[in-house]
Amino acid sequence: GWTIAGLIILVPVAFILGLLTAISPVLSNTILIVILLLSYWLIVP
């Protein structure tokens, strides 16, 4: 379940970040930081 959920989440996120990096590296890095901050709420569970 962990593996399947990880693929479902990480593959689209990586694809979107790749597209944003091609458009604007600054925008891509900003969104990555926001994702990392939001992931704090997932650390404990």
All heavy atoms as atom14 arrays in JSON, in Angstrom:
{
  "sequence": "GWTIAGLIILVPVAFILGLLTAISPVLSNTILIVILLLSYWLIVP",
  "atom14_mask": [
    [1, 1, 1, 1, 0, 0, 0, 0, 0, 0, 0, 0, 0, 0],
    [1, 1, 1, 1, 1, 1, 1, 1, 1, 1, 1, 1, 1, 1],
    [1, 1, 1, 1, 1, 1, 1, 0, 0, 0, 0, 0, 0, 0],
    [1, 1, 1, 1, 1, 1, 1, 1, 0, 0, 0, 0, 0, 0],
    [1, 1, 1, 1, 1, 0, 0, 0, 0, 0, 0, 0, 0, 0],
    [1, 1, 1, 1, 0, 0, 0, 0, 0, 0, 0, 0, 0, 0],
    [1, 1, 1, 1, 1, 1, 1, 1, 0, 0, 0, 0, 0, 0],
    [1, 1, 1, 1, 1, 1, 1, 1, 0, 0, 0, 0, 0, 0],
    [1, 1, 1, 1, 1, 1, 1, 1, 0, 0, 0, 0, 0, 0],
    [1, 1, 1, 1, 1, 1, 1, 1, 0, 0, 0, 0, 0, 0],
    [1, 1, 1, 1, 1, 1, 1, 0, 0, 0, 0, 0, 0, 0],
    [1, 1, 1, 1, 1, 1, 1, 0, 0, 0, 0, 0, 0, 0],
    [1, 1, 1, 1, 1, 1, 1, 0, 0, 0, 0, 0, 0, 0],
    [1, 1, 1, 1, 1, 0, 0, 0, 0, 0, 0, 0, 0, 0],
    [1, 1, 1, 1, 1, 1, 1, 1, 1, 1, 1, 0, 0, 0],
    [1, 1, 1, 1, 1, 1, 1, 1, 0, 0, 0, 0, 0, 0],
    [1, 1, 1, 1, 1, 1, 1, 1, 0, 0, 0, 0, 0, 0],
    [1, 1, 1, 1, 0, 0, 0, 0, 0, 0, 0, 0, 0, 0],
    [1, 1, 1, 1, 1, 1, 1, 1, 0, 0, 0, 0, 0, 0],
    [1, 1, 1, 1, 1, 1, 1, 1, 0, 0, 0, 0, 0, 0],
    [1, 1, 1, 1, 1, 1, 1, 0, 0, 0, 0, 0, 0, 0],
    [1, 1, 1, 1, 1, 0, 0, 0, 0, 0, 0, 0, 0, 0],
    [1, 1, 1, 1, 1, 1, 1, 1, 0, 0, 0, 0, 0, 0],
    [1, 1, 1, 1, 1, 1, 0, 0, 0, 0, 0, 0, 0, 0],
    [1, 1, 1, 1, 1, 1, 1, 0, 0, 0, 0, 0, 0, 0],
    [1, 1, 1, 1, 1, 1, 1, 0, 0, 0, 0, 0, 0, 0],
    [1, 1, 1, 1, 1, 1, 1, 1, 0, 0, 0, 0, 0, 0],
    [1, 1, 1, 1, 1, 1, 0, 0, 0, 0, 0, 0, 0, 0],
    [1, 1, 1, 1, 1, 1, 1, 1, 0, 0, 0, 0, 0, 0],
    [1, 1, 1, 1, 1, 1, 1, 0, 0, 0, 0, 0, 0, 0],
    [1, 1, 1, 1, 1, 1, 1, 1, 0, 0, 0, 0, 0, 0],
    [1, 1, 1, 1, 1, 1, 1, 1, 0, 0, 0, 0, 0, 0],
    [1, 1, 1, 1, 1, 1, 1, 1, 0, 0, 0, 0, 0, 0],
    [1, 1, 1, 1, 1, 1, 1, 0, 0, 0, 0, 0, 0, 0],
    [1, 1, 1, 1, 1, 1, 1, 1, 0, 0, 0, 0, 0, 0],
    [1, 1, 1, 1, 1, 1, 1, 1, 0, 0, 0, 0, 0, 0],
    [1, 1, 1, 1, 1, 1, 1, 1, 0, 0, 0, 0, 0, 0],
    [1, 1, 1, 1, 1, 1, 1, 1, 0, 0, 0, 0, 0, 0],
    [1, 1, 1, 1, 1, 1, 0, 0, 0, 0, 0, 0, 0, 0],
    [1, 1, 1, 1, 1, 1, 1, 1, 1, 1, 1, 1, 0, 0],
    [1, 1, 1, 1, 1, 1, 1, 1, 1, 1, 1, 1, 1, 1],
    [1, 1, 1, 1, 1, 1, 1, 1, 0, 0, 0, 0, 0, 0],
    [1, 1, 1, 1, 1, 1, 1, 1, 0, 0, 0, 0, 0, 0],
    [1, 1, 1, 1, 1, 1, 1, 0, 0, 0, 0, 0, 0, 0],
    [1, 1, 1, 1, 1, 1, 1, 0, 0, 0, 0, 0, 0, 0]
  ],
  "atom14_positions": [
    [[0.82, -1.21, 0.0], [0.0, 0.0, 0.0], [0.85, 1.26, 0.0], [0.56, 2.23, -0.72], [0.0, 0.0, 0.0], [0.0, 0.0, 0.0], [0.0, 0.0, 0.0], [0.0, 0.0, 0.0], [0.0, 0.0, 0.0], [0.0, 0.0, 0.0], [0.0, 0.0, 0.0], [0.0, 0.0, 0.0], [0.0, 0.0, 0.0], [0.0, 0.0, 0.0]],
    [[1.93, 1.23, 0.79], [2.85, 2.36, 0.85], [3.48, 2.61, -0.53], [3.56, 3.75, -0.99], [3.93, 2.04, 1.89], [5.08, 2.99, 1.98], [6.12, 3.09, 1.11], [5.31, 3.96, 3.0], [7.01, 4.04, 1.53], [6.54, 4.6, 2.69], [4.64, 4.34, 4.15], [7.08, 5.6, 3.49], [5.19, 5.33, 4.94], [6.38, 5.95, 4.62]],
    [[3.91, 1.54, -1.19], [4.56, 1.67, -2.49], [3.61, 2.21, -3.54], [3.94, 3.12, -4.31], [5.11, 0.31, -2.95], [6.03, -0.2, -1.96], [5.82, 0.43, -4.28], [0.0, 0.0, 0.0], [0.0, 0.0, 0.0], [0.0, 0.0, 0.0], [0.0, 0.0, 0.0], [0.0, 0.0, 0.0], [0.0, 0.0, 0.0], [0.0, 0.0, 0.0]],
    [[2.39, 1.66, -3.59], [1.41, 2.1, -4.58], [1.03, 3.56, -4.35], [0.98, 4.36, -5.29], [0.17, 1.19, -4.53], [0.53, -0.23, -4.99], [-0.94, 1.76, -5.41], [-0.57, -1.24, -4.79], [0.0, 0.0, 0.0], [0.0, 0.0, 0.0], [0.0, 0.0, 0.0], [0.0, 0.0, 0.0], [0.0, 0.0, 0.0], [0.0, 0.0, 0.0]],
    [[0.77, 3.91, -3.08], [0.41, 5.3, -2.78], [1.55, 6.25, -3.12], [1.33, 7.35, -3.64], [0.04, 5.42, -1.3], [0.0, 0.0, 0.0], [0.0, 0.0, 0.0], [0.0, 0.0, 0.0], [0.0, 0.0, 0.0], [0.0, 0.0, 0.0], [0.0, 0.0, 0.0], [0.0, 0.0, 0.0], [0.0, 0.0, 0.0], [0.0, 0.0, 0.0]],
    [[2.79, 5.82, -2.84], [3.93, 6.66, -3.16], [4.07, 6.91, -4.64], [4.34, 8.04, -5.08], [0.0, 0.0, 0.0], [0.0, 0.0, 0.0], [0.0, 0.0, 0.0], [0.0, 0.0, 0.0], [0.0, 0.0, 0.0], [0.0, 0.0, 0.0], [0.0, 0.0, 0.0], [0.0, 0.0, 0.0], [0.0, 0.0, 0.0], [0.0, 0.0, 0.0]],
    [[3.85, 5.87, -5.45], [3.93, 6.04, -6.91], [2.82, 6.95, -7.42], [3.05, 7.8, -8.29], [3.86, 4.68, -7.6], [5.07, 3.76, -7.4], [4.8, 2.4, -8.03], [6.32, 4.39, -8.0], [0.0, 0.0, 0.0], [0.0, 0.0, 0.0], [0.0, 0.0, 0.0], [0.0, 0.0, 0.0], [0.0, 0.0, 0.0], [0.0, 0.0, 0.0]],
    [[1.61, 6.76, -6.88], [0.48, 7.58, -7.32], [0.73, 9.05, -7.03], [0.35, 9.94, -7.82], [-0.82, 7.11, -6.64], [-1.2, 5.71, -7.16], [-1.96, 8.09, -6.87], [-2.39, 5.11, -6.45], [0.0, 0.0, 0.0], [0.0, 0.0, 0.0], [0.0, 0.0, 0.0], [0.0, 0.0, 0.0], [0.0, 0.0, 0.0], [0.0, 0.0, 0.0]],
    [[1.38, 9.34, -5.91], [1.61, 10.73, -5.51], [2.88, 11.3, -6.13], [2.89, 12.4, -6.7], [1.68, 10.84, -3.97], [0.32, 10.47, -3.37], [2.08, 12.26, -3.55], [0.33, 10.38, -1.87], [0.0, 0.0, 0.0], [0.0, 0.0, 0.0], [0.0, 0.0, 0.0], [0.0, 0.0, 0.0], [0.0, 0.0, 0.0], [0.0, 0.0, 0.0]],
    [[3.98, 10.54, -6.06], [5.28, 11.09, -6.44], [5.45, 11.24, -7.94], [6.08, 12.2, -8.4], [6.39, 10.2, -5.87], [6.52, 10.19, -4.35], [7.65, 9.27, -3.93], [6.77, 11.61, -3.82], [0.0, 0.0, 0.0], [0.0, 0.0, 0.0], [0.0, 0.0, 0.0], [0.0, 0.0, 0.0], [0.0, 0.0, 0.0], [0.0, 0.0, 0.0]],
    [[4.91, 10.29, -8.73], [5.11, 10.39, -10.18], [4.46, 11.65, -10.76], [5.13, 12.4, -11.49], [4.58, 9.11, -10.87], [4.56, 9.28, -12.39], [5.44, 7.9, -10.5], [0.0, 0.0, 0.0], [0.0, 0.0, 0.0], [0.0, 0.0, 0.0], [0.0, 0.0, 0.0], [0.0, 0.0, 0.0], [0.0, 0.0, 0.0], [0.0, 0.0, 0.0]],
    [[3.18, 11.95, -10.47], [2.62, 13.2, -11.0], [3.33, 14.43, -10.45], [3.53, 15.41, -11.19], [1.15, 13.16, -10.53], [0.87, 11.72, -10.26], [2.15, 11.15, -9.77], [0.0, 0.0, 0.0], [0.0, 0.0, 0.0], [0.0, 0.0, 0.0], [0.0, 0.0, 0.0], [0.0, 0.0, 0.0], [0.0, 0.0, 0.0], [0.0, 0.0, 0.0]],
    [[3.71, 14.42, -9.16], [4.39, 15.58, -8.59], [5.73, 15.8, -9.29], [6.09, 16.94, -9.63], [4.59, 15.38, -7.08], [5.53, 16.45, -6.51], [3.26, 15.45, -6.35], [0.0, 0.0, 0.0], [0.0, 0.0, 0.0], [0.0, 0.0, 0.0], [0.0, 0.0, 0.0], [0.0, 0.0, 0.0], [0.0, 0.0, 0.0], [0.0, 0.0, 0.0]],
    [[6.48, 14.72, -9.52], [7.77, 14.86, -10.21], [7.58, 15.36, -11.64], [8.37, 16.18, -12.13], [8.49, 13.51, -10.21], [0.0, 0.0, 0.0], [0.0, 0.0, 0.0], [0.0, 0.0, 0.0], [0.0, 0.0, 0.0], [0.0, 0.0, 0.0], [0.0, 0.0, 0.0], [0.0, 0.0, 0.0], [0.0, 0.0, 0.0], [0.0, 0.0, 0.0]],
    [[6.53, 14.88, -12.3], [6.26, 15.32, -13.67], [5.92, 16.81, -13.7], [6.44, 17.56, -14.53], [5.11, 14.5, -14.26], [4.72, 14.9, -15.65], [5.53, 14.57, -16.74], [3.56, 15.63, -15.88], [5.17, 14.94, -18.03], [3.2, 16.01, -17.16], [4.01, 15.67, -18.24], [0.0, 0.0, 0.0], [0.0, 0.0, 0.0], [0.0, 0.0, 0.0]],
    [[5.06, 17.24, -12.78], [4.67, 18.65, -12.73], [5.85, 19.54, -12.39], [6.06, 20.6, -13.0], [3.52, 18.85, -11.71], [2.26, 18.14, -12.21], [3.25, 20.33, -11.5], [1.13, 18.13, -11.21], [0.0, 0.0, 0.0], [0.0, 0.0, 0.0], [0.0, 0.0, 0.0], [0.0, 0.0, 0.0], [0.0, 0.0, 0.0], [0.0, 0.0, 0.0]],
    [[6.67, 19.1, -11.41], [7.85, 19.9, -11.05], [8.82, 19.98, -12.21], [9.48, 21.01, -12.41], [8.52, 19.29, -9.82], [7.79, 19.47, -8.48], [8.55, 18.76, -7.38], [7.64, 20.96, -8.15], [0.0, 0.0, 0.0], [0.0, 0.0, 0.0], [0.0, 0.0, 0.0], [0.0, 0.0, 0.0], [0.0, 0.0, 0.0], [0.0, 0.0, 0.0]],
    [[8.93, 18.89, -12.99], [9.8, 18.92, -14.16], [9.34, 19.94, -15.19], [10.15, 20.68, -15.76], [0.0, 0.0, 0.0], [0.0, 0.0, 0.0], [0.0, 0.0, 0.0], [0.0, 0.0, 0.0], [0.0, 0.0, 0.0], [0.0, 0.0, 0.0], [0.0, 0.0, 0.0], [0.0, 0.0, 0.0], [0.0, 0.0, 0.0], [0.0, 0.0, 0.0]],
    [[8.02, 19.98, -15.42], [7.49, 20.97, -16.37], [7.7, 22.39, -15.85], [8.08, 23.29, -16.62], [5.99, 20.71, -16.58], [5.61, 19.45, -17.37], [4.09, 19.33, -17.46], [6.23, 19.47, -18.76], [0.0, 0.0, 0.0], [0.0, 0.0, 0.0], [0.0, 0.0, 0.0], [0.0, 0.0, 0.0], [0.0, 0.0, 0.0], [0.0, 0.0, 0.0]],
    [[7.45, 22.59, -14.55], [7.63, 23.93, -13.99], [9.1, 24.36, -14.02], [9.39, 25.54, -14.2], [7.11, 23.95, -12.55], [5.58, 23.81, -12.4], [5.2, 23.76, -10.92], [4.86, 24.97, -13.08], [0.0, 0.0, 0.0], [0.0, 0.0, 0.0], [0.0, 0.0, 0.0], [0.0, 0.0, 0.0], [0.0, 0.0, 0.0], [0.0, 0.0, 0.0]],
    [[10.0, 23.39, -13.84], [11.42, 23.72, -13.91], [11.81, 24.21, -15.3], [12.62, 25.14, -15.45], [12.27, 22.49, -13.54], [11.93, 22.07, -12.21], [13.75, 22.81, -13.59], [0.0, 0.0, 0.0], [0.0, 0.0, 0.0], [0.0, 0.0, 0.0], [0.0, 0.0, 0.0], [0.0, 0.0, 0.0], [0.0, 0.0, 0.0], [0.0, 0.0, 0.0]],
    [[11.22, 23.59, -16.33], [11.49, 24.02, -17.7], [10.94, 25.42, -17.96], [11.52, 26.2, -18.73], [10.89, 23.03, -18.69], [0.0, 0.0, 0.0], [0.0, 0.0, 0.0], [0.0, 0.0, 0.0], [0.0, 0.0, 0.0], [0.0, 0.0, 0.0], [0.0, 0.0, 0.0], [0.0, 0.0, 0.0], [0.0, 0.0, 0.0], [0.0, 0.0, 0.0]],
    [[9.81, 25.74, -17.3], [9.2, 27.06, -17.5], [9.9, 28.12, -16.65], [10.3, 29.17, -17.12], [7.7, 27.01, -17.17], [6.99, 26.03, -18.11], [7.08, 28.4, -17.24], [5.54, 25.78, -17.74], [0.0, 0.0, 0.0], [0.0, 0.0, 0.0], [0.0, 0.0, 0.0], [0.0, 0.0, 0.0], [0.0, 0.0, 0.0], [0.0, 0.0, 0.0]],
    [[10.01, 27.81, -15.33], [10.6, 28.77, -14.4], [11.2, 28.02, -13.21], [10.45, 27.51, -12.37], [9.54, 29.77, -13.91], [10.06, 30.58, -12.88], [0.0, 0.0, 0.0], [0.0, 0.0, 0.0], [0.0, 0.0, 0.0], [0.0, 0.0, 0.0], [0.0, 0.0, 0.0], [0.0, 0.0, 0.0], [0.0, 0.0, 0.0], [0.0, 0.0, 0.0]],
    [[12.51, 27.93, -13.12], [13.13, 27.25, -11.97], [12.75, 27.88, -10.64], [12.61, 27.17, -9.64], [14.63, 27.4, -12.25], [14.73, 27.58, -13.74], [13.49, 28.34, -14.11], [0.0, 0.0, 0.0], [0.0, 0.0, 0.0], [0.0, 0.0, 0.0], [0.0, 0.0, 0.0], [0.0, 0.0, 0.0], [0.0, 0.0, 0.0], [0.0, 0.0, 0.0]],
    [[12.58, 29.19, -10.62], [12.21, 29.85, -9.36], [10.83, 29.39, -8.89], [10.61, 29.08, -7.72], [12.24, 31.38, -9.53], [11.75, 32.07, -8.25], [13.65, 31.85, -9.88], [0.0, 0.0, 0.0], [0.0, 0.0, 0.0], [0.0, 0.0, 0.0], [0.0, 0.0, 0.0], [0.0, 0.0, 0.0], [0.0, 0.0, 0.0], [0.0, 0.0, 0.0]],
    [[9.88, 29.34, -9.83], [8.53, 28.88, -9.49], [8.55, 27.43, -9.03], [7.88, 27.06, -8.05], [7.61, 29.03, -10.7], [6.17, 28.54, -10.54], [5.47, 29.32, -9.43], [5.42, 28.66, -11.86], [0.0, 0.0, 0.0], [0.0, 0.0, 0.0], [0.0, 0.0, 0.0], [0.0, 0.0, 0.0], [0.0, 0.0, 0.0], [0.0, 0.0, 0.0]],
    [[9.34, 26.6, -9.69], [9.44, 25.19, -9.31], [9.99, 25.04, -7.91], [9.47, 24.26, -7.09], [10.33, 24.45, -10.32], [10.55, 23.12, -9.9], [0.0, 0.0, 0.0], [0.0, 0.0, 0.0], [0.0, 0.0, 0.0], [0.0, 0.0, 0.0], [0.0, 0.0, 0.0], [0.0, 0.0, 0.0], [0.0, 0.0, 0.0], [0.0, 0.0, 0.0]],
    [[11.05, 25.79, -7.58], [11.64, 25.71, -6.24], [10.67, 26.22, -5.18], [10.61, 25.69, -4.07], [12.93, 26.51, -6.19], [14.03, 25.86, -7.01], [14.04, 24.65, -7.21], [14.97, 26.67, -7.5], [0.0, 0.0, 0.0], [0.0, 0.0, 0.0], [0.0, 0.0, 0.0], [0.0, 0.0, 0.0], [0.0, 0.0, 0.0], [0.0, 0.0, 0.0]],
    [[9.9, 27.25, -5.51], [8.92, 27.78, -4.55], [7.85, 26.75, -4.23], [7.5, 26.53, -3.07], [8.28, 29.06, -5.12], [9.29, 30.02, -5.41], [7.29, 29.63, -4.11], [0.0, 0.0, 0.0], [0.0, 0.0, 0.0], [0.0, 0.0, 0.0], [0.0, 0.0, 0.0], [0.0, 0.0, 0.0], [0.0, 0.0, 0.0], [0.0, 0.0, 0.0]],
    [[7.32, 26.11, -5.26], [6.3, 25.09, -5.05], [6.87, 23.9, -4.29], [6.2, 23.32, -3.43], [5.71, 24.64, -6.41], [4.94, 25.8, -7.04], [4.8, 23.42, -6.23], [4.36, 25.48, -8.39], [0.0, 0.0, 0.0], [0.0, 0.0, 0.0], [0.0, 0.0, 0.0], [0.0, 0.0, 0.0], [0.0, 0.0, 0.0], [0.0, 0.0, 0.0]],
    [[8.12, 23.54, -4.57], [8.75, 22.43, -3.85], [8.87, 22.75, -2.37], [8.62, 21.88, -1.51], [10.13, 22.15, -4.44], [10.93, 21.01, -3.77], [10.17, 19.7, -3.88], [12.31, 20.89, -4.41], [0.0, 0.0, 0.0], [0.0, 0.0, 0.0], [0.0, 0.0, 0.0], [0.0, 0.0, 0.0], [0.0, 0.0, 0.0], [0.0, 0.0, 0.0]],
    [[9.22, 23.99, -2.03], [9.32, 24.39, -0.62], [7.95, 24.32, 0.05], [7.82, 23.86, 1.18], [9.92, 25.81, -0.52], [11.38, 25.8, -0.97], [9.8, 26.33, 0.91], [12.01, 27.17, -1.06], [0.0, 0.0, 0.0], [0.0, 0.0, 0.0], [0.0, 0.0, 0.0], [0.0, 0.0, 0.0], [0.0, 0.0, 0.0], [0.0, 0.0, 0.0]],
    [[6.91, 24.77, -0.67], [5.55, 24.7, -0.11], [5.15, 23.25, 0.15], [4.57, 22.92, 1.19], [4.55, 25.37, -1.07], [3.12, 25.14, -0.59], [4.84, 26.87, -1.16], [0.0, 0.0, 0.0], [0.0, 0.0, 0.0], [0.0, 0.0, 0.0], [0.0, 0.0, 0.0], [0.0, 0.0, 0.0], [0.0, 0.0, 0.0], [0.0, 0.0, 0.0]],
    [[5.46, 22.36, -0.78], [5.14, 20.94, -0.61], [5.86, 20.37, 0.6], [5.28, 19.62, 1.39], [5.5, 20.15, -1.89], [4.59, 20.56, -3.04], [5.39, 18.65, -1.64], [4.96, 19.93, -4.37], [0.0, 0.0, 0.0], [0.0, 0.0, 0.0], [0.0, 0.0, 0.0], [0.0, 0.0, 0.0], [0.0, 0.0, 0.0], [0.0, 0.0, 0.0]],
    [[7.13, 20.73, 0.77], [7.9, 20.24, 1.92], [7.32, 20.74, 3.23], [7.27, 20.0, 4.23], [9.36, 20.65, 1.78], [10.14, 19.99, 0.63], [11.55, 20.57, 0.55], [10.2, 18.48, 0.83], [0.0, 0.0, 0.0], [0.0, 0.0, 0.0], [0.0, 0.0, 0.0], [0.0, 0.0, 0.0], [0.0, 0.0, 0.0], [0.0, 0.0, 0.0]],
    [[6.88, 22.0, 3.24], [6.27, 22.54, 4.46], [4.95, 21.84, 4.78], [4.67, 21.52, 5.94], [6.04, 24.05, 4.31], [7.31, 24.92, 4.26], [6.94, 26.38, 3.98], [8.09, 24.81, 5.56], [0.0, 0.0, 0.0], [0.0, 0.0, 0.0], [0.0, 0.0, 0.0], [0.0, 0.0, 0.0], [0.0, 0.0, 0.0], [0.0, 0.0, 0.0]],
    [[4.14, 21.58, 3.75], [2.88, 20.9, 3.98], [3.08, 19.45, 4.4], [2.25, 18.87, 5.1], [2.02, 20.96, 2.71], [1.51, 22.34, 2.3], [0.75, 22.26, 0.99], [0.62, 22.94, 3.39], [0.0, 0.0, 0.0], [0.0, 0.0, 0.0], [0.0, 0.0, 0.0], [0.0, 0.0, 0.0], [0.0, 0.0, 0.0], [0.0, 0.0, 0.0]],
    [[4.2, 18.85, 3.97], [4.45, 17.45, 4.31], [4.72, 17.27, 5.8], [4.72, 16.13, 6.29], [5.64, 16.92, 3.5], [6.83, 17.58, 3.87], [0.0, 0.0, 0.0], [0.0, 0.0, 0.0], [0.0, 0.0, 0.0], [0.0, 0.0, 0.0], [0.0, 0.0, 0.0], [0.0, 0.0, 0.0], [0.0, 0.0, 0.0], [0.0, 0.0, 0.0]],
    [[4.96, 18.36, 6.52], [5.16, 18.26, 7.97], [3.97, 17.58, 8.63], [4.11, 16.8, 9.58], [5.37, 19.65, 8.57], [5.27, 19.68, 10.09], [6.32, 19.24, 10.87], [4.1, 20.14, 10.72], [6.22, 19.26, 12.25], [4.0, 20.17, 12.09], [5.06, 19.72, 12.85], [4.95, 19.74, 14.23], [0.0, 0.0, 0.0], [0.0, 0.0, 0.0]],
    [[2.76, 17.85, 8.12], [1.56, 17.28, 8.71], [1.44, 15.78, 8.44], [0.61, 15.11, 9.06], [0.33, 18.01, 8.16], [0.37, 19.47, 8.44], [0.74, 20.46, 7.59], [0.07, 20.12, 9.69], [0.69, 21.68, 8.21], [0.26, 21.51, 9.5], [-0.37, 19.67, 10.94], [0.06, 22.43, 10.51], [-0.58, 20.6, 11.94], [-0.37, 21.96, 11.73]],
    [[2.26, 15.26, 7.54], [2.22, 13.83, 7.24], [3.32, 13.05, 7.95], [3.31, 11.81, 7.91], [2.36, 13.61, 5.72], [1.25, 14.2, 4.84], [1.6, 13.98, 3.37], [-0.08, 13.56, 5.17], [0.0, 0.0, 0.0], [0.0, 0.0, 0.0], [0.0, 0.0, 0.0], [0.0, 0.0, 0.0], [0.0, 0.0, 0.0], [0.0, 0.0, 0.0]],
    [[4.26, 13.75, 8.57], [5.41, 13.07, 9.16], [4.98, 12.11, 10.25], [5.38, 10.94, 10.28], [6.42, 14.1, 9.71], [7.07, 14.87, 8.55], [7.49, 13.4, 10.54], [8.0, 15.97, 9.0], [0.0, 0.0, 0.0], [0.0, 0.0, 0.0], [0.0, 0.0, 0.0], [0.0, 0.0, 0.0], [0.0, 0.0, 0.0], [0.0, 0.0, 0.0]],
    [[4.14, 12.59, 11.18], [3.75, 11.75, 12.33], [2.93, 10.53, 11.88], [3.26, 9.4, 12.26], [2.99, 12.59, 13.37], [2.45, 11.68, 14.49], [3.92, 13.64, 13.96], [0.0, 0.0, 0.0], [0.0, 0.0, 0.0], [0.0, 0.0, 0.0], [0.0, 0.0, 0.0], [0.0, 0.0, 0.0], [0.0, 0.0, 0.0], [0.0, 0.0, 0.0]],
    [[1.85, 10.69, 11.09], [1.1, 9.49, 10.68], [1.93, 8.53, 9.85], [1.78, 7.31, 9.98], [-0.07, 10.06, 9.88], [0.29, 11.46, 9.54], [1.18, 11.93, 10.64], [0.0, 0.0, 0.0], [0.0, 0.0, 0.0], [0.0, 0.0, 0.0], [0.0, 0.0, 0.0], [0.0, 0.0, 0.0], [0.0, 0.0, 0.0], [0.0, 0.0, 0.0]]
  ]
}
